[in-house]
Amino acid sequence: MVRWGFDEVEVVHHDPEAIHPLWVKPRVGLPDDPALHAAAIAFVSDMALVLVAHEAGGDPSATPLTVDHAIWFHGVPRFDDWLFLDARLSSRQGDHALVFATITGAEGDLVATVCQGVRLRRSGRRAR
């Protein structure tokens, strides 16, 4: 088990040597409000996807920043149990990256599709 993001989320990496894919589950119960479940899933996906671009950037001192974050929910989202988040770097040009991900439920049902633009801000220089 790895604590990641905030203490209310539990994360287990599919491969302990890699960031993705990973399993994520809330440690606290969420009220029965679909908007709150969607917001929690969006928050987790944003944090998880910037890490993919950061790892690909090759500069551990760079700060990954979200440029754009789009998420498509395939039905009414629920975040009561484990979700499987699988992200892949699609493109990287200089300090900019594009990451895509799918989020599936424990039974394999597609919960969401995510696309995120990331900028790597490097210390002491402007992004290209």
N, C-alpha and C. Protein backbone atom coordinates (compact mmCIF):
# COMPACT_ATOMS: atom_id res chain seq x y z
N MET A 1 0.84 -1.17 0.00
CA MET A 1 0.00 0.00 0.00
C MET A 1 0.89 1.24 0.00
N VAL A 2 0.50 2.23 -0.81
CA VAL A 2 1.22 3.48 -0.90
C VAL A 2 0.24 4.61 -0.65
N ARG A 3 0.56 5.51 0.26
CA ARG A 3 -0.28 6.70 0.45
C ARG A 3 0.17 7.73 -0.59
N TRP A 4 -0.81 8.32 -1.25
CA TRP A 4 -0.47 9.19 -2.36
C TRP A 4 -1.53 10.26 -2.52
N GLY A 5 -1.17 11.48 -2.62
CA GLY A 5 -2.11 12.56 -2.85
C GLY A 5 -2.65 13.14 -1.58
N PHE A 6 -3.47 12.42 -0.92
CA PHE A 6 -3.99 12.82 0.37
C PHE A 6 -4.36 11.56 1.14
N ASP A 7 -4.43 11.68 2.43
CA ASP A 7 -4.58 10.50 3.28
C ASP A 7 -5.89 9.75 3.10
N GLU A 8 -6.86 10.34 2.44
CA GLU A 8 -8.14 9.67 2.26
C GLU A 8 -8.18 8.75 1.05
N VAL A 9 -7.07 8.62 0.32
CA VAL A 9 -7.02 7.76 -0.87
C VAL A 9 -5.95 6.70 -0.67
N GLU A 10 -6.30 5.49 -0.98
CA GLU A 10 -5.35 4.38 -0.94
C GLU A 10 -4.95 4.04 -2.37
N VAL A 11 -3.66 3.86 -2.61
CA VAL A 11 -3.16 3.55 -3.94
C VAL A 11 -2.28 2.31 -3.87
N VAL A 12 -2.50 1.41 -4.81
CA VAL A 12 -1.64 0.24 -4.95
C VAL A 12 -1.17 0.20 -6.40
N HIS A 13 0.14 0.25 -6.58
CA HIS A 13 0.69 0.21 -7.94
C HIS A 13 0.69 -1.23 -8.43
N HIS A 14 0.21 -1.42 -9.67
CA HIS A 14 0.16 -2.73 -10.28
C HIS A 14 1.56 -3.35 -10.33
N ASP A 15 2.54 -2.50 -10.65
CA ASP A 15 3.95 -2.89 -10.65
C ASP A 15 4.66 -1.93 -9.70
N PRO A 16 5.22 -2.42 -8.60
CA PRO A 16 5.86 -1.52 -7.63
C PRO A 16 6.97 -0.66 -8.20
N GLU A 17 7.50 -1.03 -9.36
CA GLU A 17 8.58 -0.27 -9.98
C GLU A 17 8.07 0.79 -10.96
N ALA A 18 6.75 0.86 -11.18
CA ALA A 18 6.19 1.80 -12.17
C ALA A 18 5.07 2.62 -11.54
N ILE A 19 4.86 3.80 -12.10
CA ILE A 19 3.78 4.66 -11.63
C ILE A 19 2.42 4.10 -12.06
N HIS A 20 2.35 3.67 -13.31
CA HIS A 20 1.08 3.18 -13.87
C HIS A 20 1.24 1.79 -14.41
N PRO A 21 0.19 1.03 -14.47
CA PRO A 21 -1.16 1.32 -13.96
C PRO A 21 -1.21 1.20 -12.44
N LEU A 22 -2.32 1.69 -11.88
CA LEU A 22 -2.49 1.64 -10.44
C LEU A 22 -3.96 1.45 -10.07
N TRP A 23 -4.15 0.93 -8.87
CA TRP A 23 -5.48 0.80 -8.27
C TRP A 23 -5.63 1.90 -7.24
N VAL A 24 -6.81 2.50 -7.16
CA VAL A 24 -7.06 3.57 -6.20
C VAL A 24 -8.44 3.38 -5.58
N LYS A 25 -8.53 3.68 -4.28
CA LYS A 25 -9.79 3.51 -3.56
C LYS A 25 -9.86 4.56 -2.45
N PRO A 26 -11.04 5.13 -2.23
CA PRO A 26 -11.14 6.08 -1.12
C PRO A 26 -11.09 5.36 0.22
N ARG A 27 -10.46 5.99 1.19
CA ARG A 27 -10.42 5.44 2.54
C ARG A 27 -11.60 5.90 3.37
N VAL A 28 -12.31 6.87 2.87
CA VAL A 28 -13.48 7.41 3.57
C VAL A 28 -14.70 7.23 2.68
N GLY A 29 -15.86 7.06 3.29
CA GLY A 29 -17.08 6.95 2.52
C GLY A 29 -17.49 8.30 1.96
N LEU A 30 -17.97 8.29 0.72
CA LEU A 30 -18.46 9.51 0.10
C LEU A 30 -19.99 9.53 0.17
N PRO A 31 -20.58 10.69 0.39
CA PRO A 31 -22.05 10.77 0.37
C PRO A 31 -22.60 10.31 -0.98
N ASP A 32 -23.83 9.94 -1.02
CA ASP A 32 -24.46 9.43 -2.24
C ASP A 32 -24.81 10.59 -3.18
N ASP A 33 -23.78 11.24 -3.68
CA ASP A 33 -23.93 12.40 -4.56
C ASP A 33 -23.04 12.17 -5.78
N PRO A 34 -23.63 11.89 -6.97
CA PRO A 34 -22.83 11.62 -8.16
C PRO A 34 -21.82 12.72 -8.49
N ALA A 35 -22.16 13.98 -8.23
CA ALA A 35 -21.23 15.08 -8.52
C ALA A 35 -20.00 14.99 -7.63
N LEU A 36 -20.18 14.61 -6.39
CA LEU A 36 -19.04 14.47 -5.48
C LEU A 36 -18.16 13.29 -5.88
N HIS A 37 -18.77 12.18 -6.31
CA HIS A 37 -18.00 11.03 -6.79
C HIS A 37 -17.20 11.42 -8.04
N ALA A 38 -17.85 12.16 -8.95
CA ALA A 38 -17.17 12.61 -10.17
C ALA A 38 -16.00 13.53 -9.83
N ALA A 39 -16.19 14.44 -8.88
CA ALA A 39 -15.12 15.36 -8.49
C ALA A 39 -13.95 14.61 -7.88
N ALA A 40 -14.23 13.60 -7.05
CA ALA A 40 -13.15 12.83 -6.42
C ALA A 40 -12.36 12.05 -7.48
N ILE A 41 -13.06 11.46 -8.45
CA ILE A 41 -12.39 10.74 -9.53
C ILE A 41 -11.55 11.70 -10.37
N ALA A 42 -12.09 12.88 -10.67
CA ALA A 42 -11.35 13.86 -11.46
C ALA A 42 -10.09 14.31 -10.73
N PHE A 43 -10.18 14.52 -9.43
CA PHE A 43 -9.02 14.92 -8.63
C PHE A 43 -7.93 13.86 -8.68
N VAL A 44 -8.32 12.62 -8.45
CA VAL A 44 -7.35 11.51 -8.47
C VAL A 44 -6.72 11.38 -9.84
N SER A 45 -7.53 11.48 -10.90
CA SER A 45 -6.97 11.32 -12.24
C SER A 45 -6.01 12.45 -12.58
N ASP A 46 -6.30 13.67 -12.15
CA ASP A 46 -5.40 14.79 -12.42
C ASP A 46 -4.04 14.55 -11.78
N MET A 47 -4.05 14.15 -10.53
CA MET A 47 -2.78 13.91 -9.83
C MET A 47 -2.01 12.75 -10.46
N ALA A 48 -2.71 11.71 -10.85
CA ALA A 48 -2.05 10.53 -11.39
C ALA A 48 -1.45 10.79 -12.78
N LEU A 49 -2.14 11.55 -13.61
CA LEU A 49 -1.66 11.76 -14.97
C LEU A 49 -0.45 12.67 -15.05
N VAL A 50 -0.35 13.67 -14.18
CA VAL A 50 0.83 14.54 -14.24
C VAL A 50 2.10 13.74 -13.92
N LEU A 51 1.95 12.70 -13.11
CA LEU A 51 3.12 11.89 -12.76
C LEU A 51 3.69 11.14 -13.97
N VAL A 52 2.82 10.75 -14.91
CA VAL A 52 3.28 10.08 -16.13
C VAL A 52 4.15 11.03 -16.95
N ALA A 53 3.70 12.25 -17.13
CA ALA A 53 4.48 13.23 -17.89
C ALA A 53 5.76 13.59 -17.16
N HIS A 54 5.70 13.68 -15.85
CA HIS A 54 6.89 14.02 -15.05
C HIS A 54 7.96 12.95 -15.19
N GLU A 55 7.55 11.70 -15.10
CA GLU A 55 8.49 10.58 -15.25
C GLU A 55 9.14 10.59 -16.63
N ALA A 56 8.35 10.89 -17.66
CA ALA A 56 8.87 10.89 -19.04
C ALA A 56 9.78 12.08 -19.31
N GLY A 57 9.66 13.13 -18.49
CA GLY A 57 10.46 14.34 -18.72
C GLY A 57 11.92 14.17 -18.40
N GLY A 58 12.27 13.20 -17.57
CA GLY A 58 13.66 12.92 -17.28
C GLY A 58 14.35 13.89 -16.34
N ASP A 59 13.63 14.89 -15.83
CA ASP A 59 14.21 15.86 -14.91
C ASP A 59 13.42 15.83 -13.62
N PRO A 60 13.92 15.14 -12.60
CA PRO A 60 13.16 15.01 -11.35
C PRO A 60 12.92 16.34 -10.64
N SER A 61 13.68 17.39 -10.99
CA SER A 61 13.47 18.69 -10.35
C SER A 61 12.36 19.50 -11.02
N ALA A 62 11.90 19.08 -12.19
CA ALA A 62 10.84 19.80 -12.90
C ALA A 62 9.51 19.63 -12.15
N THR A 63 8.70 20.66 -12.20
CA THR A 63 7.38 20.62 -11.57
C THR A 63 6.34 20.39 -12.65
N PRO A 64 5.57 19.29 -12.58
CA PRO A 64 4.53 19.07 -13.58
C PRO A 64 3.29 19.89 -13.26
N LEU A 65 2.77 20.59 -14.25
CA LEU A 65 1.59 21.44 -14.09
C LEU A 65 0.51 21.02 -15.09
N THR A 66 -0.71 20.94 -14.64
CA THR A 66 -1.82 20.64 -15.54
C THR A 66 -2.10 21.84 -16.43
N VAL A 67 -2.16 21.60 -17.74
CA VAL A 67 -2.53 22.64 -18.69
C VAL A 67 -4.01 22.50 -19.00
N ASP A 68 -4.44 21.33 -19.38
CA ASP A 68 -5.83 21.00 -19.66
C ASP A 68 -6.11 19.63 -19.07
N HIS A 69 -7.34 19.45 -18.62
CA HIS A 69 -7.73 18.14 -18.07
C HIS A 69 -9.18 17.91 -18.49
N ALA A 70 -9.38 16.92 -19.33
CA ALA A 70 -10.73 16.58 -19.78
C ALA A 70 -11.05 15.16 -19.35
N ILE A 71 -12.25 14.96 -18.82
CA ILE A 71 -12.66 13.64 -18.38
C ILE A 71 -14.07 13.37 -18.88
N TRP A 72 -14.25 12.19 -19.45
CA TRP A 72 -15.54 11.75 -19.94
C TRP A 72 -16.01 10.60 -19.07
N PHE A 73 -17.15 10.78 -18.43
CA PHE A 73 -17.71 9.71 -17.61
C PHE A 73 -18.64 8.87 -18.45
N HIS A 74 -18.51 7.56 -18.35
CA HIS A 74 -19.32 6.62 -19.11
C HIS A 74 -20.40 6.07 -18.17
N GLY A 75 -21.36 6.91 -17.86
CA GLY A 75 -22.41 6.55 -16.92
C GLY A 75 -22.27 7.38 -15.65
N VAL A 76 -23.08 7.08 -14.67
CA VAL A 76 -23.05 7.79 -13.40
C VAL A 76 -21.84 7.29 -12.61
N PRO A 77 -20.89 8.18 -12.30
CA PRO A 77 -19.66 7.74 -11.64
C PRO A 77 -19.88 7.36 -10.18
N ARG A 78 -19.19 6.31 -9.75
CA ARG A 78 -19.16 5.88 -8.35
C ARG A 78 -17.71 5.66 -7.95
N PHE A 79 -17.38 6.11 -6.75
CA PHE A 79 -16.03 5.93 -6.23
C PHE A 79 -16.14 5.36 -4.82
N ASP A 80 -16.78 4.19 -4.74
CA ASP A 80 -16.98 3.49 -3.47
C ASP A 80 -15.99 2.37 -3.26
N ASP A 81 -15.35 1.94 -4.33
CA ASP A 81 -14.50 0.76 -4.28
C ASP A 81 -13.27 1.03 -5.15
N TRP A 82 -12.47 -0.02 -5.38
CA TRP A 82 -11.27 0.12 -6.18
C TRP A 82 -11.59 0.53 -7.61
N LEU A 83 -10.78 1.46 -8.14
CA LEU A 83 -10.79 1.82 -9.55
C LEU A 83 -9.40 1.56 -10.10
N PHE A 84 -9.32 1.11 -11.34
CA PHE A 84 -8.05 0.82 -12.01
C PHE A 84 -7.77 1.95 -12.98
N LEU A 85 -6.67 2.67 -12.76
CA LEU A 85 -6.30 3.80 -13.59
C LEU A 85 -5.07 3.43 -14.40
N ASP A 86 -5.22 3.45 -15.72
CA ASP A 86 -4.12 3.08 -16.61
C ASP A 86 -3.84 4.25 -17.54
N ALA A 87 -2.69 4.89 -17.36
CA ALA A 87 -2.34 6.09 -18.13
C ALA A 87 -1.13 5.82 -19.00
N ARG A 88 -1.11 6.47 -20.15
CA ARG A 88 -0.01 6.33 -21.10
C ARG A 88 0.35 7.70 -21.67
N LEU A 89 1.64 7.93 -21.80
CA LEU A 89 2.11 9.14 -22.45
C LEU A 89 1.82 9.02 -23.94
N SER A 90 1.12 9.98 -24.50
CA SER A 90 0.79 9.96 -25.93
C SER A 90 1.85 10.72 -26.74
N SER A 91 2.28 11.87 -26.21
CA SER A 91 3.23 12.70 -26.94
C SER A 91 3.96 13.61 -25.95
N ARG A 92 5.21 13.89 -26.27
CA ARG A 92 5.98 14.86 -25.49
C ARG A 92 6.84 15.65 -26.44
N GLN A 93 6.69 16.97 -26.39
CA GLN A 93 7.49 17.88 -27.20
C GLN A 93 8.08 18.92 -26.26
N GLY A 94 9.39 18.89 -26.06
CA GLY A 94 10.01 19.84 -25.14
C GLY A 94 9.45 19.66 -23.74
N ASP A 95 8.91 20.73 -23.21
CA ASP A 95 8.37 20.71 -21.85
C ASP A 95 6.87 20.47 -21.80
N HIS A 96 6.29 20.04 -22.89
CA HIS A 96 4.85 19.79 -22.94
C HIS A 96 4.57 18.32 -23.25
N ALA A 97 3.56 17.78 -22.59
CA ALA A 97 3.21 16.37 -22.78
C ALA A 97 1.70 16.23 -22.85
N LEU A 98 1.27 15.14 -23.50
CA LEU A 98 -0.14 14.78 -23.58
C LEU A 98 -0.27 13.35 -23.07
N VAL A 99 -1.16 13.16 -22.10
CA VAL A 99 -1.35 11.87 -21.46
C VAL A 99 -2.82 11.46 -21.60
N PHE A 100 -3.04 10.19 -21.93
CA PHE A 100 -4.38 9.62 -21.99
C PHE A 100 -4.50 8.53 -20.94
N ALA A 101 -5.72 8.33 -20.42
CA ALA A 101 -5.94 7.28 -19.42
C ALA A 101 -7.35 6.73 -19.53
N THR A 102 -7.48 5.49 -19.06
CA THR A 102 -8.80 4.91 -18.86
C THR A 102 -8.92 4.57 -17.38
N ILE A 103 -10.13 4.69 -16.89
CA ILE A 103 -10.43 4.32 -15.51
C ILE A 103 -11.54 3.28 -15.58
N THR A 104 -11.26 2.12 -15.01
CA THR A 104 -12.25 1.05 -15.01
C THR A 104 -12.56 0.63 -13.58
N GLY A 105 -13.75 0.06 -13.40
CA GLY A 105 -14.15 -0.44 -12.10
C GLY A 105 -13.52 -1.80 -11.84
N ALA A 106 -13.73 -2.31 -10.64
CA ALA A 106 -13.15 -3.59 -10.24
C ALA A 106 -13.63 -4.74 -11.11
N GLU A 107 -14.81 -4.62 -11.70
CA GLU A 107 -15.36 -5.65 -12.58
C GLU A 107 -14.99 -5.45 -14.04
N GLY A 108 -14.18 -4.42 -14.34
CA GLY A 108 -13.74 -4.17 -15.71
C GLY A 108 -14.62 -3.21 -16.49
N ASP A 109 -15.65 -2.63 -15.87
CA ASP A 109 -16.52 -1.69 -16.55
C ASP A 109 -15.82 -0.34 -16.71
N LEU A 110 -15.96 0.27 -17.89
CA LEU A 110 -15.32 1.55 -18.17
C LEU A 110 -16.04 2.66 -17.41
N VAL A 111 -15.33 3.32 -16.52
CA VAL A 111 -15.90 4.39 -15.70
C VAL A 111 -15.65 5.75 -16.36
N ALA A 112 -14.41 5.97 -16.85
CA ALA A 112 -14.07 7.27 -17.43
C ALA A 112 -12.89 7.14 -18.38
N THR A 113 -12.82 8.10 -19.30
CA THR A 113 -11.68 8.27 -20.20
C THR A 113 -11.14 9.67 -19.94
N VAL A 114 -9.82 9.79 -19.86
CA VAL A 114 -9.21 11.05 -19.46
C VAL A 114 -8.12 11.45 -20.46
N CYS A 115 -8.03 12.74 -20.73
CA CYS A 115 -6.96 13.31 -21.55
C CYS A 115 -6.42 14.53 -20.79
N GLN A 116 -5.10 14.63 -20.69
CA GLN A 116 -4.52 15.73 -19.93
C GLN A 116 -3.28 16.28 -20.61
N GLY A 117 -3.23 17.60 -20.71
CA GLY A 117 -2.04 18.29 -21.15
C GLY A 117 -1.22 18.67 -19.93
N VAL A 118 0.09 18.49 -19.99
CA VAL A 118 0.97 18.76 -18.86
C VAL A 118 2.15 19.60 -19.33
N ARG A 119 2.52 20.57 -18.54
CA ARG A 119 3.73 21.36 -18.80
C ARG A 119 4.72 21.06 -17.68
N LEU A 120 5.95 20.82 -18.04
CA LEU A 120 7.00 20.59 -17.05
C LEU A 120 7.76 21.89 -16.84
N ARG A 121 7.58 22.49 -15.68
CA ARG A 121 8.27 23.74 -15.37
C ARG A 121 9.60 23.40 -14.72
N ARG A 122 10.65 23.79 -15.39
CA ARG A 122 12.00 23.49 -14.91
C ARG A 122 12.56 24.68 -14.14
N SER A 123 13.29 24.39 -13.12
CA SER A 123 13.89 25.44 -12.28
C SER A 123 14.81 26.31 -13.12
N GLY A 124 14.65 27.62 -12.98
CA GLY A 124 15.59 28.54 -13.61
C GLY A 124 15.45 28.74 -15.10
N ARG A 125 14.44 28.12 -15.75
CA ARG A 125 14.28 28.40 -17.18
C ARG A 125 12.81 28.30 -17.55
N ARG A 126 12.48 28.98 -18.61
CA ARG A 126 11.10 29.01 -19.07
C ARG A 126 10.82 27.80 -19.93
N ALA A 127 9.57 27.33 -19.91
CA ALA A 127 9.18 26.18 -20.74
C ALA A 127 9.22 26.57 -22.20
N ARG A 128 9.54 25.57 -23.03
CA ARG A 128 9.55 25.81 -24.48
C ARG A 128 8.24 25.35 -25.07
